[in-house]
Amino acid sequence: MKLMLRIFSWKVTLLISVITLISLCILGFYGIYTDKFYFFKLDNYIFPILTIVHFIYLYAVWFKITENEYPDVPMRNLEYSLYLIFLVYLYKTVDSVLVVTSYHDFENFVLPSTFVPLGNTTVGLYVVLLFVTLLTFGHRRKSVGPYDFSSFNENMDSWQ
């Protein structure tokens, strides 16, 4: 993990995270079997709503790193909620793999020519999202510090 943290700096991890999240939010509205965008399905809005927590967490880590601050309780709670959202990301990755591998089940039907390329792109983006999310947790531990609230009063400056 230390090698990955050195290869992918915090700024690179942040940039890849933002690009991946935005791309997956857009692709979440795309129907891979029909080659159309569906903006009126409520299921398509679940992932973008969950990514709001991820964006807030990225901002919190960025702020703590740039201001050289210690972790706090709201940031810890945000990270714990992102652990649960990480499970949703894992589910979406497996679901996307199952959709792409179902290509041969529909040989008698006419599937759009974009089925395989966009399916593989979606799976790749979900794998990248899982990877950069774990990298973000590592950067938080390395740059901001652990959640050690036993010494919380020692780290607090009452004049700020």
N, C-alpha and C. Protein backbone atom coordinates (compact mmCIF):
# COMPACT_ATOMS: atom_id res chain seq x y z
N MET A 1 0.83 -1.20 0.00
CA MET A 1 0.00 0.00 0.00
C MET A 1 0.87 1.26 0.00
N LYS A 2 2.01 1.19 0.70
CA LYS A 2 2.88 2.36 0.75
C LYS A 2 3.42 2.70 -0.64
N LEU A 3 3.70 1.67 -1.43
CA LEU A 3 4.18 1.89 -2.78
C LEU A 3 3.10 2.58 -3.63
N MET A 4 1.87 2.13 -3.49
CA MET A 4 0.76 2.75 -4.25
C MET A 4 0.54 4.19 -3.82
N LEU A 5 0.72 4.47 -2.54
CA LEU A 5 0.56 5.85 -2.07
C LEU A 5 1.66 6.75 -2.62
N ARG A 6 2.85 6.19 -2.85
CA ARG A 6 3.92 6.99 -3.45
C ARG A 6 3.71 7.16 -4.95
N ILE A 7 3.21 6.10 -5.61
CA ILE A 7 2.99 6.19 -7.07
C ILE A 7 1.85 7.15 -7.38
N PHE A 8 0.74 6.98 -6.65
CA PHE A 8 -0.43 7.84 -6.85
C PHE A 8 -0.47 8.87 -5.72
N SER A 9 -0.01 10.07 -6.01
CA SER A 9 -0.02 11.12 -4.99
C SER A 9 -1.46 11.50 -4.66
N TRP A 10 -1.60 12.33 -3.63
CA TRP A 10 -2.94 12.73 -3.21
C TRP A 10 -3.66 13.49 -4.32
N LYS A 11 -2.98 14.38 -5.00
CA LYS A 11 -3.62 15.17 -6.05
C LYS A 11 -4.05 14.30 -7.22
N VAL A 12 -3.23 13.34 -7.58
CA VAL A 12 -3.60 12.42 -8.67
C VAL A 12 -4.79 11.57 -8.26
N THR A 13 -4.77 11.08 -7.03
CA THR A 13 -5.89 10.28 -6.53
C THR A 13 -7.18 11.09 -6.51
N LEU A 14 -7.09 12.34 -6.08
CA LEU A 14 -8.26 13.21 -6.05
C LEU A 14 -8.80 13.45 -7.46
N LEU A 15 -7.93 13.73 -8.40
CA LEU A 15 -8.34 13.98 -9.78
C LEU A 15 -8.98 12.74 -10.41
N ILE A 16 -8.36 11.59 -10.22
CA ILE A 16 -8.92 10.35 -10.77
C ILE A 16 -10.27 10.04 -10.12
N SER A 17 -10.39 10.29 -8.82
CA SER A 17 -11.65 10.04 -8.12
C SER A 17 -12.78 10.90 -8.68
N VAL A 18 -12.51 12.17 -8.86
CA VAL A 18 -13.55 13.09 -9.34
C VAL A 18 -13.96 12.72 -10.77
N ILE A 19 -12.99 12.47 -11.63
CA ILE A 19 -13.31 12.11 -13.02
C ILE A 19 -14.09 10.81 -13.08
N THR A 20 -13.68 9.83 -12.29
CA THR A 20 -14.37 8.54 -12.29
C THR A 20 -15.78 8.66 -11.75
N LEU A 21 -15.97 9.40 -10.68
CA LEU A 21 -17.32 9.55 -10.11
C LEU A 21 -18.25 10.27 -11.08
N ILE A 22 -17.77 11.32 -11.71
CA ILE A 22 -18.61 12.05 -12.66
C ILE A 22 -18.95 11.17 -13.86
N SER A 23 -17.97 10.43 -14.37
CA SER A 23 -18.22 9.54 -15.51
C SER A 23 -19.24 8.46 -15.17
N LEU A 24 -19.11 7.87 -13.98
CA LEU A 24 -20.06 6.82 -13.59
C LEU A 24 -21.45 7.38 -13.31
N CYS A 25 -21.53 8.60 -12.84
CA CYS A 25 -22.86 9.22 -12.65
C CYS A 25 -23.55 9.40 -14.00
N ILE A 26 -22.81 9.80 -15.00
CA ILE A 26 -23.40 9.97 -16.35
C ILE A 26 -23.76 8.62 -16.94
N LEU A 27 -22.84 7.65 -16.84
CA LEU A 27 -23.11 6.33 -17.40
C LEU A 27 -24.21 5.57 -16.66
N GLY A 28 -24.51 6.00 -15.44
CA GLY A 28 -25.58 5.36 -14.68
C GLY A 28 -26.96 5.57 -15.30
N PHE A 29 -27.10 6.59 -16.10
CA PHE A 29 -28.38 6.86 -16.77
C PHE A 29 -28.49 6.16 -18.12
N TYR A 30 -27.41 5.55 -18.56
CA TYR A 30 -27.37 4.92 -19.87
C TYR A 30 -27.87 3.48 -19.77
N GLY A 31 -28.80 3.12 -20.64
CA GLY A 31 -29.29 1.75 -20.72
C GLY A 31 -28.46 0.97 -21.71
N ILE A 32 -27.66 0.06 -21.22
CA ILE A 32 -26.70 -0.63 -22.08
C ILE A 32 -27.38 -1.57 -23.07
N TYR A 33 -28.53 -2.12 -22.70
CA TYR A 33 -29.23 -3.03 -23.61
C TYR A 33 -29.99 -2.29 -24.72
N THR A 34 -30.41 -1.07 -24.43
CA THR A 34 -31.26 -0.34 -25.38
C THR A 34 -30.56 0.81 -26.07
N ASP A 35 -29.37 1.20 -25.60
CA ASP A 35 -28.61 2.29 -26.19
C ASP A 35 -29.34 3.62 -26.07
N LYS A 36 -29.98 3.84 -24.92
CA LYS A 36 -30.71 5.08 -24.65
C LYS A 36 -30.40 5.54 -23.23
N PHE A 37 -30.62 6.84 -23.01
CA PHE A 37 -30.48 7.39 -21.67
C PHE A 37 -31.86 7.44 -21.02
N TYR A 38 -31.92 7.05 -19.74
CA TYR A 38 -33.18 7.04 -18.99
C TYR A 38 -33.04 8.00 -17.81
N PHE A 39 -33.67 9.16 -17.95
CA PHE A 39 -33.59 10.17 -16.90
C PHE A 39 -34.79 10.14 -15.97
N PHE A 40 -35.81 9.37 -16.29
CA PHE A 40 -37.02 9.37 -15.47
C PHE A 40 -37.15 8.11 -14.62
N LYS A 41 -36.13 7.27 -14.57
CA LYS A 41 -36.12 6.11 -13.69
C LYS A 41 -35.49 6.53 -12.36
N LEU A 42 -36.21 6.32 -11.28
CA LEU A 42 -35.70 6.72 -9.97
C LEU A 42 -34.48 5.90 -9.55
N ASP A 43 -34.37 4.67 -10.03
CA ASP A 43 -33.22 3.83 -9.68
C ASP A 43 -31.91 4.43 -10.16
N ASN A 44 -31.97 5.18 -11.23
CA ASN A 44 -30.75 5.77 -11.78
C ASN A 44 -30.20 6.91 -10.93
N TYR A 45 -30.98 7.41 -9.99
CA TYR A 45 -30.54 8.53 -9.16
C TYR A 45 -29.92 8.08 -7.85
N ILE A 46 -29.95 6.78 -7.55
CA ILE A 46 -29.39 6.29 -6.29
C ILE A 46 -27.88 6.48 -6.25
N PHE A 47 -27.21 6.06 -7.30
CA PHE A 47 -25.74 6.19 -7.33
C PHE A 47 -25.28 7.65 -7.25
N PRO A 48 -25.85 8.57 -8.04
CA PRO A 48 -25.40 9.97 -7.90
C PRO A 48 -25.65 10.55 -6.51
N ILE A 49 -26.72 10.13 -5.85
CA ILE A 49 -26.97 10.63 -4.49
C ILE A 49 -25.92 10.09 -3.53
N LEU A 50 -25.56 8.82 -3.69
CA LEU A 50 -24.53 8.25 -2.82
C LEU A 50 -23.16 8.87 -3.06
N THR A 51 -22.91 9.29 -4.29
CA THR A 51 -21.61 9.90 -4.57
C THR A 51 -21.45 11.27 -3.92
N ILE A 52 -22.55 11.86 -3.52
CA ILE A 52 -22.44 13.14 -2.80
C ILE A 52 -21.62 12.95 -1.53
N VAL A 53 -21.85 11.84 -0.83
CA VAL A 53 -21.07 11.55 0.38
C VAL A 53 -19.59 11.39 0.02
N HIS A 54 -19.32 10.75 -1.10
CA HIS A 54 -17.94 10.56 -1.52
C HIS A 54 -17.28 11.91 -1.85
N PHE A 55 -18.01 12.78 -2.54
CA PHE A 55 -17.47 14.11 -2.85
C PHE A 55 -17.21 14.92 -1.58
N ILE A 56 -18.10 14.83 -0.61
CA ILE A 56 -17.90 15.55 0.65
C ILE A 56 -16.68 15.01 1.39
N TYR A 57 -16.53 13.69 1.36
CA TYR A 57 -15.36 13.08 2.00
C TYR A 57 -14.07 13.52 1.31
N LEU A 58 -14.07 13.55 -0.01
CA LEU A 58 -12.89 14.01 -0.74
C LEU A 58 -12.55 15.46 -0.37
N TYR A 59 -13.59 16.28 -0.26
CA TYR A 59 -13.35 17.67 0.14
C TYR A 59 -12.80 17.75 1.57
N ALA A 60 -13.35 16.94 2.47
CA ALA A 60 -12.89 16.97 3.86
C ALA A 60 -11.43 16.54 3.96
N VAL A 61 -11.06 15.50 3.25
CA VAL A 61 -9.67 15.05 3.28
C VAL A 61 -8.76 16.10 2.64
N TRP A 62 -9.19 16.66 1.51
CA TRP A 62 -8.41 17.72 0.87
C TRP A 62 -8.20 18.89 1.83
N PHE A 63 -9.26 19.30 2.52
CA PHE A 63 -9.17 20.43 3.45
C PHE A 63 -8.23 20.11 4.60
N LYS A 64 -8.35 18.92 5.16
CA LYS A 64 -7.50 18.54 6.29
C LYS A 64 -6.03 18.47 5.86
N ILE A 65 -5.76 17.99 4.65
CA ILE A 65 -4.38 17.89 4.19
C ILE A 65 -3.80 19.28 3.91
N THR A 66 -4.56 20.14 3.24
CA THR A 66 -4.03 21.46 2.89
C THR A 66 -3.89 22.37 4.12
N GLU A 67 -4.78 22.22 5.08
CA GLU A 67 -4.72 23.07 6.28
C GLU A 67 -3.91 22.42 7.40
N ASN A 68 -3.40 21.20 7.17
CA ASN A 68 -2.62 20.48 8.16
C ASN A 68 -3.37 20.34 9.49
N GLU A 69 -4.61 19.91 9.40
CA GLU A 69 -5.45 19.74 10.58
C GLU A 69 -5.55 18.28 10.98
N TYR A 70 -6.03 18.07 12.19
CA TYR A 70 -6.22 16.72 12.71
C TYR A 70 -7.60 16.21 12.32
N PRO A 71 -7.78 14.91 12.29
CA PRO A 71 -9.12 14.37 12.00
C PRO A 71 -10.08 14.67 13.14
N ASP A 72 -11.34 14.77 12.79
CA ASP A 72 -12.35 15.06 13.79
C ASP A 72 -13.48 14.04 13.69
N VAL A 73 -14.44 14.15 14.59
CA VAL A 73 -15.54 13.19 14.67
C VAL A 73 -16.42 13.21 13.42
N PRO A 74 -16.81 14.39 12.89
CA PRO A 74 -17.62 14.36 11.66
C PRO A 74 -16.90 13.70 10.49
N MET A 75 -15.59 13.90 10.40
CA MET A 75 -14.85 13.26 9.32
C MET A 75 -14.81 11.75 9.52
N ARG A 76 -14.68 11.31 10.75
CA ARG A 76 -14.70 9.87 11.03
C ARG A 76 -16.05 9.27 10.65
N ASN A 77 -17.13 9.94 11.02
CA ASN A 77 -18.47 9.45 10.68
C ASN A 77 -18.68 9.42 9.17
N LEU A 78 -18.15 10.42 8.48
CA LEU A 78 -18.24 10.46 7.03
C LEU A 78 -17.46 9.30 6.40
N GLU A 79 -16.30 9.02 6.96
CA GLU A 79 -15.52 7.89 6.44
C GLU A 79 -16.22 6.57 6.71
N TYR A 80 -16.83 6.42 7.86
CA TYR A 80 -17.55 5.18 8.16
C TYR A 80 -18.75 5.00 7.23
N SER A 81 -19.41 6.09 6.89
CA SER A 81 -20.52 5.97 5.93
C SER A 81 -19.99 5.64 4.54
N LEU A 82 -18.79 6.12 4.23
CA LEU A 82 -18.19 5.80 2.93
C LEU A 82 -17.78 4.33 2.87
N TYR A 83 -17.49 3.72 4.01
CA TYR A 83 -17.24 2.27 4.03
C TYR A 83 -18.48 1.52 3.56
N LEU A 84 -19.64 1.94 4.00
CA LEU A 84 -20.89 1.30 3.56
C LEU A 84 -21.14 1.56 2.07
N ILE A 85 -20.85 2.77 1.64
CA ILE A 85 -21.03 3.10 0.23
C ILE A 85 -20.03 2.32 -0.62
N PHE A 86 -18.86 2.03 -0.07
CA PHE A 86 -17.89 1.20 -0.77
C PHE A 86 -18.48 -0.18 -1.08
N LEU A 87 -19.30 -0.70 -0.18
CA LEU A 87 -19.98 -1.97 -0.45
C LEU A 87 -20.96 -1.83 -1.60
N VAL A 88 -21.61 -0.68 -1.72
CA VAL A 88 -22.50 -0.43 -2.86
C VAL A 88 -21.67 -0.39 -4.15
N TYR A 89 -20.51 0.26 -4.09
CA TYR A 89 -19.62 0.29 -5.26
C TYR A 89 -19.21 -1.13 -5.65
N LEU A 90 -18.93 -1.96 -4.66
CA LEU A 90 -18.55 -3.34 -4.93
C LEU A 90 -19.72 -4.10 -5.58
N TYR A 91 -20.93 -3.87 -5.08
CA TYR A 91 -22.11 -4.50 -5.66
C TYR A 91 -22.30 -4.05 -7.11
N LYS A 92 -22.16 -2.76 -7.36
CA LYS A 92 -22.34 -2.23 -8.72
C LYS A 92 -21.26 -2.79 -9.67
N THR A 93 -20.06 -3.01 -9.16
CA THR A 93 -19.01 -3.60 -9.98
C THR A 93 -19.38 -5.02 -10.38
N VAL A 94 -19.81 -5.82 -9.41
CA VAL A 94 -20.20 -7.20 -9.70
C VAL A 94 -21.40 -7.23 -10.63
N ASP A 95 -22.35 -6.34 -10.41
CA ASP A 95 -23.53 -6.27 -11.27
C ASP A 95 -23.15 -5.90 -12.70
N SER A 96 -22.24 -4.97 -12.86
CA SER A 96 -21.79 -4.59 -14.20
C SER A 96 -21.05 -5.73 -14.90
N VAL A 97 -20.25 -6.47 -14.14
CA VAL A 97 -19.56 -7.62 -14.72
C VAL A 97 -20.57 -8.66 -15.18
N LEU A 98 -21.61 -8.89 -14.39
CA LEU A 98 -22.64 -9.86 -14.77
C LEU A 98 -23.40 -9.41 -16.01
N VAL A 99 -23.65 -8.12 -16.14
CA VAL A 99 -24.34 -7.61 -17.32
C VAL A 99 -23.48 -7.79 -18.56
N VAL A 100 -22.20 -7.45 -18.45
CA VAL A 100 -21.32 -7.56 -19.62
C VAL A 100 -21.12 -9.02 -20.01
N THR A 101 -21.02 -9.90 -19.04
CA THR A 101 -20.83 -11.32 -19.37
C THR A 101 -22.12 -11.99 -19.84
N SER A 102 -23.25 -11.30 -19.75
CA SER A 102 -24.51 -11.87 -20.24
C SER A 102 -24.68 -11.64 -21.74
N TYR A 103 -23.66 -11.14 -22.39
CA TYR A 103 -23.73 -10.85 -23.82
C TYR A 103 -24.06 -12.10 -24.62
N HIS A 104 -23.49 -13.22 -24.26
CA HIS A 104 -23.72 -14.45 -25.02
C HIS A 104 -25.09 -15.05 -24.74
N ASP A 105 -25.76 -14.62 -23.70
CA ASP A 105 -27.11 -15.11 -23.41
C ASP A 105 -28.14 -14.51 -24.37
N PHE A 106 -27.78 -13.42 -25.02
CA PHE A 106 -28.71 -12.71 -25.89
C PHE A 106 -28.24 -12.74 -27.35
N GLU A 107 -27.67 -13.84 -27.77
CA GLU A 107 -27.16 -13.94 -29.15
C GLU A 107 -28.28 -13.88 -30.18
N ASN A 108 -29.48 -14.32 -29.80
CA ASN A 108 -30.61 -14.31 -30.74
C ASN A 108 -31.27 -12.94 -30.85
N PHE A 109 -30.90 -12.02 -29.98
CA PHE A 109 -31.46 -10.68 -29.99
C PHE A 109 -30.47 -9.71 -30.60
N VAL A 110 -30.98 -8.59 -31.03
CA VAL A 110 -30.12 -7.56 -31.59
C VAL A 110 -29.71 -6.62 -30.46
N LEU A 111 -28.45 -6.68 -30.11
CA LEU A 111 -27.91 -5.77 -29.10
C LEU A 111 -27.16 -4.65 -29.81
N PRO A 112 -27.15 -3.48 -29.20
CA PRO A 112 -26.45 -2.36 -29.86
C PRO A 112 -24.95 -2.64 -29.95
N SER A 113 -24.32 -2.02 -30.91
CA SER A 113 -22.88 -2.22 -31.11
C SER A 113 -22.07 -1.62 -29.97
N THR A 114 -22.68 -0.77 -29.17
CA THR A 114 -21.98 -0.14 -28.06
C THR A 114 -22.05 -0.98 -26.78
N PHE A 115 -22.69 -2.14 -26.84
CA PHE A 115 -22.89 -2.95 -25.64
C PHE A 115 -21.55 -3.34 -25.00
N VAL A 116 -20.69 -3.95 -25.75
CA VAL A 116 -19.42 -4.43 -25.20
C VAL A 116 -18.47 -3.28 -24.84
N PRO A 117 -18.25 -2.30 -25.73
CA PRO A 117 -17.31 -1.24 -25.35
C PRO A 117 -17.75 -0.42 -24.13
N LEU A 118 -19.02 -0.04 -24.09
CA LEU A 118 -19.48 0.74 -22.94
C LEU A 118 -19.60 -0.12 -21.70
N GLY A 119 -19.93 -1.38 -21.86
CA GLY A 119 -19.97 -2.28 -20.72
C GLY A 119 -18.60 -2.46 -20.10
N ASN A 120 -17.60 -2.67 -20.95
CA ASN A 120 -16.23 -2.81 -20.46
C ASN A 120 -15.72 -1.50 -19.84
N THR A 121 -16.11 -0.38 -20.42
CA THR A 121 -15.73 0.91 -19.85
C THR A 121 -16.34 1.10 -18.47
N THR A 122 -17.59 0.73 -18.33
CA THR A 122 -18.26 0.85 -17.03
C THR A 122 -17.60 -0.04 -15.99
N VAL A 123 -17.32 -1.27 -16.36
CA VAL A 123 -16.66 -2.18 -15.42
C VAL A 123 -15.28 -1.64 -15.04
N GLY A 124 -14.53 -1.15 -16.02
CA GLY A 124 -13.23 -0.58 -15.74
C GLY A 124 -13.30 0.62 -14.82
N LEU A 125 -14.29 1.47 -15.03
CA LEU A 125 -14.45 2.65 -14.17
C LEU A 125 -14.81 2.25 -12.74
N TYR A 126 -15.65 1.23 -12.59
CA TYR A 126 -15.98 0.76 -11.24
C TYR A 126 -14.77 0.17 -10.53
N VAL A 127 -13.94 -0.55 -11.26
CA VAL A 127 -12.72 -1.10 -10.66
C VAL A 127 -11.78 0.03 -10.26
N VAL A 128 -11.65 1.04 -11.11
CA VAL A 128 -10.83 2.21 -10.78
C VAL A 128 -11.40 2.92 -9.56
N LEU A 129 -12.73 3.02 -9.47
CA LEU A 129 -13.36 3.68 -8.32
C LEU A 129 -13.06 2.92 -7.03
N LEU A 130 -13.13 1.61 -7.06
CA LEU A 130 -12.79 0.83 -5.87
C LEU A 130 -11.34 1.07 -5.47
N PHE A 131 -10.45 1.09 -6.44
CA PHE A 131 -9.04 1.29 -6.18
C PHE A 131 -8.75 2.68 -5.59
N VAL A 132 -9.29 3.72 -6.21
CA VAL A 132 -8.99 5.07 -5.72
C VAL A 132 -9.68 5.36 -4.39
N THR A 133 -10.79 4.69 -4.11
CA THR A 133 -11.42 4.86 -2.81
C THR A 133 -10.53 4.29 -1.72
N LEU A 134 -9.96 3.12 -1.96
CA LEU A 134 -9.01 2.56 -0.99
C LEU A 134 -7.76 3.42 -0.88
N LEU A 135 -7.30 3.98 -1.99
CA LEU A 135 -6.16 4.89 -1.95
C LEU A 135 -6.47 6.15 -1.14
N THR A 136 -7.69 6.64 -1.27
CA THR A 136 -8.09 7.82 -0.50
C THR A 136 -8.05 7.54 1.00
N PHE A 137 -8.53 6.36 1.39
CA PHE A 137 -8.44 5.98 2.80
C PHE A 137 -6.99 5.93 3.26
N GLY A 138 -6.11 5.40 2.41
CA GLY A 138 -4.69 5.34 2.75
C GLY A 138 -4.06 6.71 2.86
N HIS A 139 -4.41 7.61 1.94
CA HIS A 139 -3.88 8.98 2.01
C HIS A 139 -4.39 9.69 3.26
N ARG A 140 -5.62 9.43 3.64
CA ARG A 140 -6.14 10.05 4.87
C ARG A 140 -5.35 9.57 6.08
N ARG A 141 -5.09 8.27 6.16
CA ARG A 141 -4.34 7.74 7.30
C ARG A 141 -2.91 8.28 7.32
N LYS A 142 -2.30 8.40 6.14
CA LYS A 142 -0.91 8.84 6.08
C LYS A 142 -0.77 10.34 6.31
N SER A 143 -1.63 11.14 5.68
CA SER A 143 -1.45 12.60 5.71
C SER A 143 -2.20 13.29 6.85
N VAL A 144 -3.38 12.81 7.18
CA VAL A 144 -4.17 13.46 8.22
C VAL A 144 -3.92 12.82 9.57
N GLY A 145 -3.79 11.51 9.59
CA GLY A 145 -3.52 10.81 10.83
C GLY A 145 -4.65 9.89 11.22
N PRO A 146 -4.39 9.07 12.24
CA PRO A 146 -5.43 8.13 12.69
C PRO A 146 -6.49 8.84 13.52
N TYR A 147 -7.59 8.15 13.71
CA TYR A 147 -8.67 8.68 14.55
C TYR A 147 -8.39 8.32 16.00
N ASP A 148 -7.49 9.06 16.62
CA ASP A 148 -7.11 8.83 18.02
C ASP A 148 -7.71 9.96 18.85
N PHE A 149 -8.90 9.71 19.39
CA PHE A 149 -9.59 10.78 20.11
C PHE A 149 -9.27 10.76 21.60
N SER A 150 -8.40 9.86 22.04
CA SER A 150 -7.98 9.90 23.44
C SER A 150 -7.09 11.11 23.69
N SER A 151 -6.36 11.54 22.66
CA SER A 151 -5.52 12.73 22.78
C SER A 151 -6.16 13.92 22.06
N PHE A 152 -7.47 13.91 21.96
CA PHE A 152 -8.17 14.95 21.21
C PHE A 152 -7.99 16.33 21.86
N ASN A 153 -8.03 16.40 23.17
CA ASN A 153 -7.89 17.69 23.85
C ASN A 153 -6.49 18.27 23.70
N GLU A 154 -5.48 17.42 23.53
CA GLU A 154 -4.12 17.92 23.35
C GLU A 154 -3.95 18.56 21.98
N ASN A 155 -4.69 18.07 20.99
CA ASN A 155 -4.55 18.58 19.63
C ASN A 155 -5.42 19.78 19.35
N MET A 156 -6.29 20.14 20.27
CA MET A 156 -7.23 21.22 20.03
C MET A 156 -6.63 22.55 20.48
N ASP A 157 -6.68 23.52 19.62
CA ASP A 157 -6.20 24.85 19.92
C ASP A 157 -7.40 25.72 20.25
N SER A 158 -7.52 26.16 21.47
CA SER A 158 -8.72 26.90 21.89
C SER A 158 -8.76 28.32 21.35
N TRP A 159 -7.69 28.82 20.78
CA TRP A 159 -7.66 30.20 20.28
C TRP A 159 -8.07 30.31 18.83
N GLN A 160 -8.43 29.18 18.19
CA GLN A 160 -8.82 29.26 16.79
C GLN A 160 -10.31 29.27 16.67
